[in-house]
Protein backbone atom coordinates (compact mmCIF):
# COMPACT_ATOMS: atom_id res chain seq x y z
CA MET A 1 0.00 0.00 0.00
CA SER A 2 1.12 3.66 -0.48
CA SER A 3 2.99 5.33 2.40
CA LEU A 4 0.20 7.92 2.48
CA PHE A 5 -2.04 5.40 4.19
CA ARG A 6 0.46 3.71 6.49
CA ILE A 7 -0.01 5.28 9.90
CA PHE A 8 3.73 5.42 10.63
CA ILE A 9 7.11 5.71 9.03
CA PRO A 10 8.68 2.23 9.20
CA GLN A 11 11.98 2.04 11.06
CA SER A 12 14.87 -0.01 9.71
CA PRO A 13 18.07 -1.08 11.45
CA ILE A 14 20.45 1.90 11.50
CA ARG A 15 23.31 1.25 9.12
CA ASN A 16 24.38 4.84 8.36
CA PRO A 17 24.62 7.02 11.48
CA LYS A 18 25.40 10.23 9.53
CA LEU A 19 22.29 9.76 7.40
CA THR A 20 20.24 9.04 10.50
CA TYR A 21 21.39 12.25 12.20
CA LEU A 22 20.59 14.24 9.05
CA ILE A 23 17.06 12.83 8.90
CA LEU A 24 16.50 13.55 12.60
CA LEU A 25 17.74 17.14 12.11
CA ILE A 26 15.32 17.68 9.22
CA LEU A 27 12.42 16.31 11.27
CA LEU A 28 13.41 18.52 14.22
CA LEU A 29 13.34 21.58 11.96
CA PHE A 30 9.87 20.61 10.77
CA CYS A 31 8.68 20.56 14.35
CA LEU A 32 10.41 23.77 15.47
CA CYS A 33 9.74 26.05 12.51
CA PRO A 34 6.09 27.19 12.55
CA GLN A 35 6.13 28.27 8.92
CA TRP A 36 6.96 24.70 7.92
CA ASN A 37 4.05 23.24 9.82
CA ALA A 38 1.41 24.49 7.43
CA VAL A 39 0.53 22.26 4.50
CA SER A 40 2.12 23.69 1.37
CA ALA A 41 -0.29 25.17 -1.13
CA MET A 42 -1.13 22.56 -3.71
CA PRO A 43 -1.69 23.43 -7.35
CA PRO A 44 -5.41 23.54 -8.22
CA VAL A 45 -7.05 20.20 -9.03
CA GLN A 46 -9.88 19.81 -11.51
CA ARG A 47 -12.15 16.77 -11.15
CA SER A 48 -14.49 15.54 -13.88
CA VAL A 49 -16.33 12.37 -14.80
CA LEU A 50 -16.16 11.53 -18.50
CA PRO A 51 -19.09 10.06 -20.46
CA ASN A 52 -17.49 6.61 -20.28
CA GLY A 53 -17.44 6.77 -16.46
CA LEU A 54 -13.74 7.50 -16.02
CA ILE A 55 -12.94 9.85 -13.13
CA LEU A 56 -10.32 12.35 -14.31
CA LEU A 57 -8.20 14.50 -11.98
CA VAL A 58 -5.98 17.17 -13.53
CA SER A 59 -3.42 19.38 -11.77
CA GLU A 60 -1.42 21.82 -13.89
CA GLU A 61 2.08 22.17 -12.46
CA PRO A 62 4.43 23.79 -15.02
CA SER A 63 7.55 24.22 -12.87
CA LEU A 64 9.23 21.24 -14.58
CA PRO A 65 8.85 20.13 -18.24
CA PHE A 66 7.37 16.75 -17.28
CA VAL A 67 3.93 15.18 -17.19
CA THR A 68 2.97 12.30 -14.90
CA LEU A 69 -0.08 10.10 -15.38
CA GLN A 70 -1.35 7.55 -12.89
CA LEU A 71 -4.27 5.28 -13.64
CA LEU A 72 -5.89 3.30 -10.82
CA ILE A 73 -8.00 0.27 -11.75
CA ASP A 74 -10.17 -1.17 -8.98
CA SER A 75 -8.85 -4.70 -9.49
CA GLY A 76 -6.34 -5.63 -6.82
CA SER A 77 -5.49 -9.05 -5.47
CA ARG A 78 -8.66 -9.06 -3.35
CA THR A 79 -10.48 -9.75 -6.66
CA ASP A 80 -8.41 -12.88 -7.39
CA PRO A 81 -10.71 -15.88 -7.85
CA SER A 82 -10.19 -18.69 -5.37
CA GLY A 83 -7.38 -20.94 -6.57
CA GLU A 84 -6.11 -18.23 -8.96
CA GLU A 85 -4.16 -16.15 -6.47
CA GLY A 86 -1.76 -13.80 -8.25
CA LEU A 87 -4.03 -13.30 -11.27
CA ALA A 88 -4.56 -9.56 -10.67
CA HIS A 89 -0.81 -9.06 -10.28
CA LEU A 90 0.03 -11.05 -13.41
CA THR A 91 -2.61 -9.18 -15.44
CA ALA A 92 -1.17 -5.81 -14.44
CA ARG A 93 2.37 -6.91 -15.23
CA GLY A 94 1.16 -8.35 -18.52
CA LEU A 95 0.09 -4.94 -19.82
CA LEU A 96 3.71 -4.13 -20.60
CA LEU A 97 4.58 -7.43 -22.29
CA GLY A 98 3.28 -6.52 -25.75
CA THR A 99 0.36 -5.00 -27.65
CA THR A 100 -1.26 -5.42 -31.06
CA LYS A 101 1.09 -2.69 -32.34
CA ARG A 102 4.23 -3.21 -30.27
CA PRO A 103 6.15 -6.25 -29.06
CA VAL A 104 7.71 -5.93 -25.63
CA THR A 105 11.08 -4.96 -27.15
CA ALA A 106 9.50 -2.03 -29.02
CA ILE A 107 7.88 -0.78 -25.81
CA HIS A 108 11.25 -0.69 -24.06
CA GLU A 109 12.95 0.94 -27.05
CA GLU A 110 10.38 3.74 -27.20
CA LEU A 111 10.65 4.39 -23.48
CA ASP A 112 14.45 4.51 -23.69
CA PHE A 113 14.34 6.89 -26.66
CA MET A 114 12.01 9.28 -24.83
CA GLY A 115 13.72 8.90 -21.46
CA ALA A 116 10.28 8.07 -20.08
CA SER A 117 9.15 5.55 -17.47
CA LEU A 118 6.09 3.32 -17.69
CA ASN A 119 5.18 0.97 -14.86
CA ALA A 120 2.32 -1.38 -14.07
CA SER A 121 1.70 -3.15 -10.78
CA SER A 122 -1.02 -4.45 -8.51
CA GLY A 123 -1.63 -4.20 -4.79
CA ARG A 124 -4.27 -5.82 -2.65
CA ASP A 125 -6.99 -3.22 -3.47
CA TYR A 126 -6.15 -1.92 -6.93
CA ALA A 127 -3.76 -2.00 -9.89
CA THR A 128 -1.91 1.02 -11.29
CA LEU A 129 -0.44 2.04 -14.62
CA SER A 130 1.90 5.04 -14.39
CA LEU A 131 3.71 7.14 -17.01
CA ARG A 132 6.28 9.90 -16.58
CA VAL A 133 7.30 11.65 -19.79
CA LEU A 134 8.90 14.88 -20.95
CA LYS A 135 6.45 17.55 -22.10
CA LYS A 136 7.91 17.50 -25.62
CA ASP A 137 7.15 13.76 -25.90
CA LEU A 138 3.63 13.92 -24.48
CA ASP A 139 1.92 12.84 -27.72
CA LYS A 140 4.15 9.77 -28.08
CA GLY A 141 3.82 8.99 -24.40
CA LEU A 142 0.02 9.13 -24.51
CA ASP A 143 -0.03 6.87 -27.56
CA LEU A 144 2.08 4.29 -25.76
CA PHE A 145 0.09 4.62 -22.53
CA MET A 146 -3.25 4.04 -24.26
CA ASP A 147 -1.84 1.23 -26.37
CA VAL A 148 -0.67 -0.87 -23.42
CA LEU A 149 -3.88 -0.08 -21.56
CA THR A 150 -6.39 -0.91 -24.30
CA GLN A 151 -4.56 -3.28 -26.68
CA PRO A 152 -2.45 -5.72 -24.63
CA THR A 153 -1.95 -9.14 -26.18
CA PHE A 154 -0.51 -10.99 -23.15
CA PRO A 155 1.90 -13.09 -25.25
CA GLU A 156 2.07 -16.64 -23.97
CA GLU A 157 5.86 -16.81 -23.95
CA GLU A 158 6.25 -13.50 -22.12
CA ILE A 159 3.59 -14.51 -19.57
CA ARG A 160 5.48 -17.72 -18.84
CA ARG A 161 8.66 -15.73 -18.28
CA GLU A 162 6.83 -13.42 -15.89
CA VAL A 163 5.49 -16.41 -13.96
CA GLU A 164 8.99 -17.87 -13.68
CA LYS A 165 10.39 -14.53 -12.46
CA THR A 166 7.65 -14.30 -9.83
CA LEU A 167 8.22 -17.86 -8.67
CA ALA A 168 11.94 -17.11 -8.35
CA ALA A 169 11.14 -14.02 -6.29
CA ILE A 170 8.87 -16.06 -4.02
CA GLN A 171 11.60 -18.65 -3.57
CA SER A 172 14.11 -15.94 -2.75
CA ALA A 173 11.72 -14.36 -0.22
CA GLU A 174 11.60 -17.65 1.67
CA GLU A 175 15.19 -16.98 2.68
CA GLU A 176 14.24 -13.63 4.25
CA PRO A 177 12.94 -14.11 7.82
CA GLU A 178 10.93 -10.87 7.82
CA GLU A 179 9.17 -11.89 4.59
CA VAL A 180 8.38 -15.32 6.00
CA ALA A 181 6.96 -13.75 9.16
CA GLU A 182 4.76 -11.30 7.26
CA LYS A 183 3.35 -13.99 4.97
CA GLU A 184 2.52 -16.26 7.91
CA PHE A 185 0.98 -13.39 9.86
CA ARG A 186 -1.38 -12.41 7.05
CA LYS A 187 -2.38 -16.02 6.38
CA SER A 188 -3.13 -16.60 10.06
CA LEU A 189 -4.96 -13.31 10.61
CA PHE A 190 -7.14 -13.10 7.50
CA LEU A 191 -8.17 -16.78 7.38
CA GLY A 192 -8.45 -17.16 3.63
CA SER A 193 -10.33 -13.89 3.07
CA PRO A 194 -9.28 -11.59 0.19
CA TYR A 195 -6.44 -9.87 2.10
CA GLY A 196 -4.94 -13.14 3.27
CA HIS A 197 -2.93 -14.29 0.26
CA PRO A 198 0.20 -12.63 -1.16
CA VAL A 199 -0.47 -10.14 -3.95
CA GLU A 200 1.96 -11.96 -6.25
CA GLY A 201 0.30 -15.32 -5.65
CA THR A 202 1.79 -18.52 -4.31
CA LYS A 203 4.02 -21.34 -5.49
CA GLU A 204 0.89 -23.46 -5.82
CA SER A 205 -1.35 -20.98 -7.64
CA LEU A 206 1.02 -19.37 -10.15
CA PRO A 207 1.71 -22.46 -12.28
CA ARG A 208 -2.06 -22.86 -12.72
CA LEU A 209 -2.56 -19.39 -14.22
CA THR A 210 -3.06 -19.29 -17.98
CA ARG A 211 -3.27 -16.65 -20.67
CA ASP A 212 -7.01 -17.31 -20.99
CA MET A 213 -7.47 -16.53 -17.29
CA ILE A 214 -5.55 -13.27 -17.71
CA VAL A 215 -7.60 -12.21 -20.74
CA ARG A 216 -10.82 -13.01 -18.87
CA PHE A 217 -9.70 -10.98 -15.85
CA TYR A 218 -8.59 -8.05 -18.03
CA ARG A 219 -11.91 -7.99 -19.90
CA ALA A 220 -13.81 -8.05 -16.61
CA TYR A 221 -12.07 -5.18 -14.80
CA TYR A 222 -10.00 -2.95 -17.09
CA HIS A 223 -12.63 -0.42 -18.03
CA PRO A 224 -12.97 3.37 -17.60
CA ASN A 225 -15.97 3.12 -15.27
CA ASN A 226 -13.77 1.08 -12.91
CA SER A 227 -10.84 3.52 -12.97
CA ILE A 228 -9.40 6.85 -11.83
CA LEU A 229 -6.89 8.76 -13.99
CA THR A 230 -4.73 11.50 -12.52
CA MET A 231 -2.63 13.81 -14.67
CA VAL A 232 -0.10 16.16 -13.08
CA GLY A 233 2.48 18.43 -14.71
CA ASP A 234 3.31 20.79 -17.51
CA MET A 235 0.21 20.78 -19.70
CA THR A 236 -2.67 23.16 -20.31
CA ALA A 237 -6.43 22.71 -20.37
CA GLN A 238 -6.34 23.08 -24.15
CA GLU A 239 -3.74 20.31 -24.49
CA ILE A 240 -5.83 18.01 -22.31
CA LYS A 241 -8.86 18.75 -24.46
CA THR A 242 -7.07 18.10 -27.76
CA LYS A 243 -4.53 15.41 -26.86
CA LEU A 244 -5.93 13.40 -23.95
CA LEU A 245 -9.71 13.45 -24.09
CA PRO A 246 -10.04 12.14 -27.71
CA ARG A 247 -7.90 9.14 -26.76
CA LEU A 248 -9.84 8.46 -23.58
CA ALA A 249 -13.16 8.71 -25.44
CA LEU A 250 -12.21 5.56 -27.41
CA TRP A 251 -12.01 3.53 -24.19
CA SER A 252 -15.40 1.85 -23.88
CA LYS A 253 -17.52 1.54 -20.77
CA VAL A 254 -18.50 -2.02 -19.79
CA GLU A 255 -20.40 -3.36 -16.79
CA VAL A 256 -17.90 -4.50 -14.15
CA PRO A 257 -18.59 -7.48 -11.87
CA GLN A 258 -19.15 -6.69 -8.21
CA VAL A 259 -16.91 -8.90 -6.12
CA PRO A 260 -17.84 -9.36 -2.48
CA SER A 261 -14.82 -8.55 -0.34
CA HIS A 262 -15.93 -9.35 3.18
CA ILE A 263 -12.87 -9.56 5.39
CA THR A 264 -12.81 -12.21 8.11
CA PHE A 265 -10.30 -12.30 10.93
CA ALA A 266 -8.98 -14.96 13.28
CA LYS A 267 -11.00 -14.85 16.48
CA GLU A 268 -8.64 -16.77 18.72
CA LYS A 269 -5.18 -16.05 20.02
CA LYS A 270 -2.54 -17.95 18.05
CA ALA A 271 1.24 -18.36 18.00
CA VAL A 272 3.15 -19.46 14.90
CA LYS A 273 6.78 -20.46 15.51
CA ILE A 274 9.14 -21.10 12.62
CA ASP A 275 12.58 -22.53 13.34
CA ARG A 276 15.49 -21.03 11.40
CA GLY A 277 19.21 -21.14 12.05
CA ILE A 278 19.52 -17.37 12.42
CA SER A 279 21.07 -15.13 15.05
CA GLN A 280 18.12 -12.80 15.62
CA ALA A 281 14.41 -13.35 16.02
CA ASN A 282 11.97 -11.69 13.63
CA ILE A 283 8.69 -11.10 15.42
CA ILE A 284 5.27 -9.84 14.37
CA LEU A 285 2.57 -9.36 16.98
CA GLY A 286 -0.78 -8.04 15.81
CA HIS A 287 -4.47 -8.37 15.14
CA SER A 288 -7.31 -6.92 13.08
CA GLY A 289 -7.16 -3.26 12.12
CA VAL A 290 -9.34 -0.67 10.41
CA SER A 291 -10.33 0.53 6.95
CA ARG A 292 -9.08 3.86 5.62
CA GLU A 293 -12.60 5.28 5.86
CA ASN A 294 -12.87 4.58 9.59
CA PRO A 295 -13.82 7.85 11.35
CA ASP A 296 -11.28 7.12 14.10
CA TYR A 297 -8.41 7.08 11.59
CA TYR A 298 -6.88 10.37 12.74
CA ALA A 299 -7.02 9.58 16.44
CA LEU A 300 -5.43 6.22 15.62
CA THR A 301 -2.73 8.02 13.63
CA VAL A 302 -1.77 10.06 16.68
CA MET A 303 -2.10 7.15 19.11
CA ASN A 304 0.08 4.89 16.99
CA TYR A 305 2.75 7.57 16.55
CA ILE A 306 3.10 7.70 20.33
CA LEU A 307 3.01 3.91 20.72
CA GLY A 308 5.38 2.77 18.00
CA GLY A 309 5.08 4.80 14.81
CA GLY A 310 7.20 7.75 15.87
CA GLY A 311 10.63 6.20 15.53
CA PHE A 312 12.90 7.30 18.37
CA ALA A 313 10.02 9.35 19.80
CA SER A 314 7.83 6.29 20.31
CA ARG A 315 7.27 4.36 23.51
CA LEU A 316 8.17 0.99 22.00
CA MET A 317 11.52 2.30 20.79
CA GLU A 318 12.21 4.00 24.12
CA GLU A 319 11.33 1.00 26.27
CA ILE A 320 12.66 -1.88 24.19
CA ARG A 321 15.64 -0.40 22.37
CA ASN A 322 16.81 2.74 24.16
CA LYS A 323 16.37 1.67 27.81
CA ARG A 324 17.16 -2.03 27.51
CA GLY A 325 19.04 -2.38 24.22
CA LEU A 326 16.99 -5.43 23.27
CA ALA A 327 15.77 -4.68 19.75
CA TYR A 328 17.61 -3.74 16.59
CA SER A 329 14.36 -2.24 15.34
CA VAL A 330 10.82 -2.00 16.65
CA ALA A 331 7.77 -0.22 15.28
CA SER A 332 3.99 -0.43 15.15
CA PHE A 333 1.55 0.47 12.41
CA PHE A 334 -1.99 0.17 11.20
CA ASP A 335 -2.24 -1.00 7.61
CA PRO A 336 -5.68 0.17 6.43
CA GLY A 337 -7.19 -0.45 3.01
CA LYS A 338 -10.54 -0.24 1.31
CA TYR A 339 -11.58 -2.83 3.89
CA PRO A 340 -10.20 -3.35 7.41
CA GLY A 341 -6.55 -4.36 7.41
CA SER A 342 -4.19 -5.20 10.25
CA PHE A 343 -2.38 -3.73 13.22
CA GLN A 344 1.19 -4.94 13.69
CA ILE A 345 4.12 -4.55 16.03
CA VAL A 346 7.24 -5.63 14.16
CA LEU A 347 10.56 -6.12 15.92
CA GLN A 348 13.92 -7.78 15.52
CA THR A 349 15.94 -8.86 18.53
CA LYS A 350 18.48 -11.44 19.66
CA ASN A 351 16.98 -14.91 19.99
CA SER A 352 17.68 -14.88 23.72
CA SER A 353 15.67 -11.68 24.28
CA ALA A 354 12.65 -12.59 22.14
CA ARG A 355 10.36 -13.49 25.04
CA GLU A 356 11.23 -10.37 27.04
CA SER A 357 10.71 -8.13 24.00
CA ILE A 358 7.29 -9.61 23.34
CA THR A 359 6.29 -9.07 26.97
CA LEU A 360 7.44 -5.44 26.86
CA ALA A 361 5.50 -4.79 23.64
CA LEU A 362 2.30 -6.13 25.20
CA GLU A 363 2.90 -4.04 28.31
CA GLN A 364 3.11 -0.88 26.19
CA MET A 365 -0.15 -1.76 24.44
CA GLU A 366 -1.83 -2.10 27.83
CA ARG A 367 -0.22 1.04 29.19
CA ILE A 368 -1.52 3.30 26.42
CA GLN A 369 -4.99 1.86 27.03
CA LYS A 370 -4.95 2.51 30.77
CA GLU A 371 -2.96 5.72 31.21
CA GLN A 372 -3.46 9.06 29.51
CA VAL A 373 -0.61 10.05 27.25
CA SER A 374 1.28 13.17 28.29
CA GLU A 375 0.64 16.57 26.77
CA LYS A 376 4.25 16.57 25.52
CA GLU A 377 3.75 13.26 23.70
CA LEU A 378 0.50 14.46 22.17
CA GLU A 379 1.92 17.75 20.92
CA GLY A 380 5.07 16.08 19.61
CA ALA A 381 2.99 13.64 17.59
CA LYS A 382 0.79 16.37 16.15
CA LYS A 383 3.74 18.59 15.20
CA TYR A 384 5.48 15.78 13.38
CA LEU A 385 2.39 14.49 11.56
CA ILE A 386 1.39 17.96 10.37
CA GLY A 387 4.93 19.15 9.67
CA SER A 388 5.89 16.10 7.59
CA PHE A 389 2.68 16.11 5.54
CA PRO A 390 4.10 18.25 2.68
CA LEU A 391 6.74 15.57 2.02
CA ARG A 392 3.91 13.51 0.51
CA LEU A 393 3.44 16.13 -2.20
CA ASP A 394 6.97 17.25 -3.09
CA THR A 395 7.30 15.49 -6.47
CA GLN A 396 4.99 15.00 -9.44
CA GLY A 397 4.87 11.28 -8.81
CA LYS A 398 3.98 11.68 -5.15
CA LEU A 399 1.34 14.27 -5.95
CA ALA A 400 -0.25 12.09 -8.64
CA ASN A 401 -0.30 9.13 -6.26
CA PHE A 402 -1.71 11.27 -3.45
CA LEU A 403 -4.53 12.67 -5.58
CA THR A 404 -5.41 9.24 -6.98
CA GLN A 405 -5.73 7.68 -3.55
CA MET A 406 -7.52 10.74 -2.21
CA GLU A 407 -10.21 10.06 -4.81
CA TYR A 408 -10.19 6.30 -4.30
CA TYR A 409 -10.72 6.58 -0.55
CA ARG A 410 -13.27 9.39 -1.03
CA LEU A 411 -11.41 11.90 1.11
CA GLY A 412 -12.50 14.94 -0.92
CA LEU A 413 -10.45 17.51 -2.83
CA ASP A 414 -10.30 19.66 0.30
CA TYR A 415 -8.51 16.90 2.25
CA PRO A 416 -5.00 18.49 2.21
CA GLY A 417 -6.44 21.65 3.75
CA LYS A 418 -8.44 19.71 6.35
CA TYR A 419 -5.67 17.34 7.42
CA PRO A 420 -3.93 19.69 9.91
CA SER A 421 -7.17 20.47 11.73
CA LEU A 422 -8.13 16.78 11.80
CA ILE A 423 -4.85 16.00 13.55
CA ARG A 424 -4.92 19.07 15.82
CA SER A 425 -8.41 18.18 17.05
CA VAL A 426 -7.28 14.85 18.56
CA THR A 427 -7.32 14.97 22.37
CA ARG A 428 -5.58 12.90 25.03
CA GLU A 429 -8.95 11.36 25.90
CA GLU A 430 -9.46 10.29 22.29
CA VAL A 431 -6.02 8.69 22.16
CA ASN A 432 -6.91 6.50 25.13
CA ARG A 433 -10.39 5.81 23.78
CA VAL A 434 -9.14 4.45 20.44
CA ALA A 435 -6.37 2.51 22.18
CA ARG A 436 -8.97 0.76 24.32
CA LYS A 437 -11.25 0.19 21.34
CA TYR A 438 -8.80 -1.05 18.73
CA LEU A 439 -5.77 -2.55 20.49
CA GLN A 440 -6.08 -6.17 21.57
CA PRO A 441 -3.22 -7.11 23.93
CA GLU A 442 -5.19 -10.15 25.09
CA ASN A 443 -6.14 -11.52 21.67
CA TYR A 444 -3.43 -11.43 19.03
CA ILE A 445 -1.55 -13.38 16.40
CA LEU A 446 2.13 -13.90 17.23
CA VAL A 447 4.61 -15.01 14.57
CA VAL A 448 8.21 -15.74 15.52
CA VAL A 449 10.88 -16.71 13.00
CA ALA A 450 13.98 -17.54 15.01
CA ASN A 451 16.35 -20.16 16.32
CA LEU A 452 13.61 -21.47 18.56
CA LYS A 453 15.94 -23.36 20.90
CA GLU A 454 18.00 -20.23 21.61
CA ALA A 455 14.78 -18.26 22.01
CA GLY A 456 13.41 -20.81 24.51
CA MET A 457 10.39 -21.43 22.31
CA ASP A 458 11.03 -24.92 20.97
């Protein structure tokens, strides 16, 4: 999912102290300089719905001679049919493998010649097709963009190669303890519901996927009335009218199937222990979360920053790493989507301190439920969250992604202006209320990938 909708900034083990100090200095300046705390003025955004049902967002931003397009198709991995996990991902990737006019080699050659980038991918909720092109090459870029979108051929040989690459990536991920832990956590928490399987599919499902399945999936979902297109950059209203709209008008509206996406969660406490000959334990402790449209989202944002989303300012980091030196990294986050996602505490520690670290994490969950957070913690969280907000909008690509998701999650075009007041309005009482309502220190999924004998968990 986009970083816009993760309710924290993930912390990684510190490998470059100079870089870390620089980042901390920048964040400190954000908090101390009042003029930086206001959300930067965004360029105007025009929203329209075309006759074919496509939602079009346009933001003219002529400071650089580039144009960025991002198309969102409501067809993520949650729409994968049972037994065909990975189909949405493979369909999105297949867009760039050849069209009726261009083999895959010609697509790459054109992109190289223009110095443009064209990417297609799928997440759990939706797929995206993104183009970044120089203003002078906008006509050629739009031709290529619409060609891969509306005329993909999904060549059998190229599809097989893509499947093999994905299988190799899955195999490689099995050697990464954190990847193993995350996959097991999602499988245990979501109990076979649409968010439970990996976006890229599984070793079992991928070999079953065929070109016919991909074509069927593409014909079902890849339509304008199931999509949002955002265009940001150096173009005028007249250029949009003459260059973009005629091309989009040729994209036909078709009825899209409605796929039920009811999310079910594990209802009982569960521990999954995976034995690996490694020196440090990789631990995920978590439970059900919220959707992005949950009205408590902003109170949860502040609460989680204090608990474990605020890096060195968070309680988990202070208690587990700074005071006791137990964890290499520790953080918490809510992972919301169109439907309720998860809450996770993720930490890495020596095998021998795994049990103690887990106990300390649970204690901090209980503490934030029972005790009011301090005024200093509350204000620090608000200053950071408001002050860092403009970093989400500081490039064309980020702005296009932000606007697209703003539309997808129905936040409204006035959301950037409202965000500071939504955060400022959170009170200490609300922080404790949402902690009591949404944190579950008595009912959680625990996944530990470690040398279980050294961790005392065998």
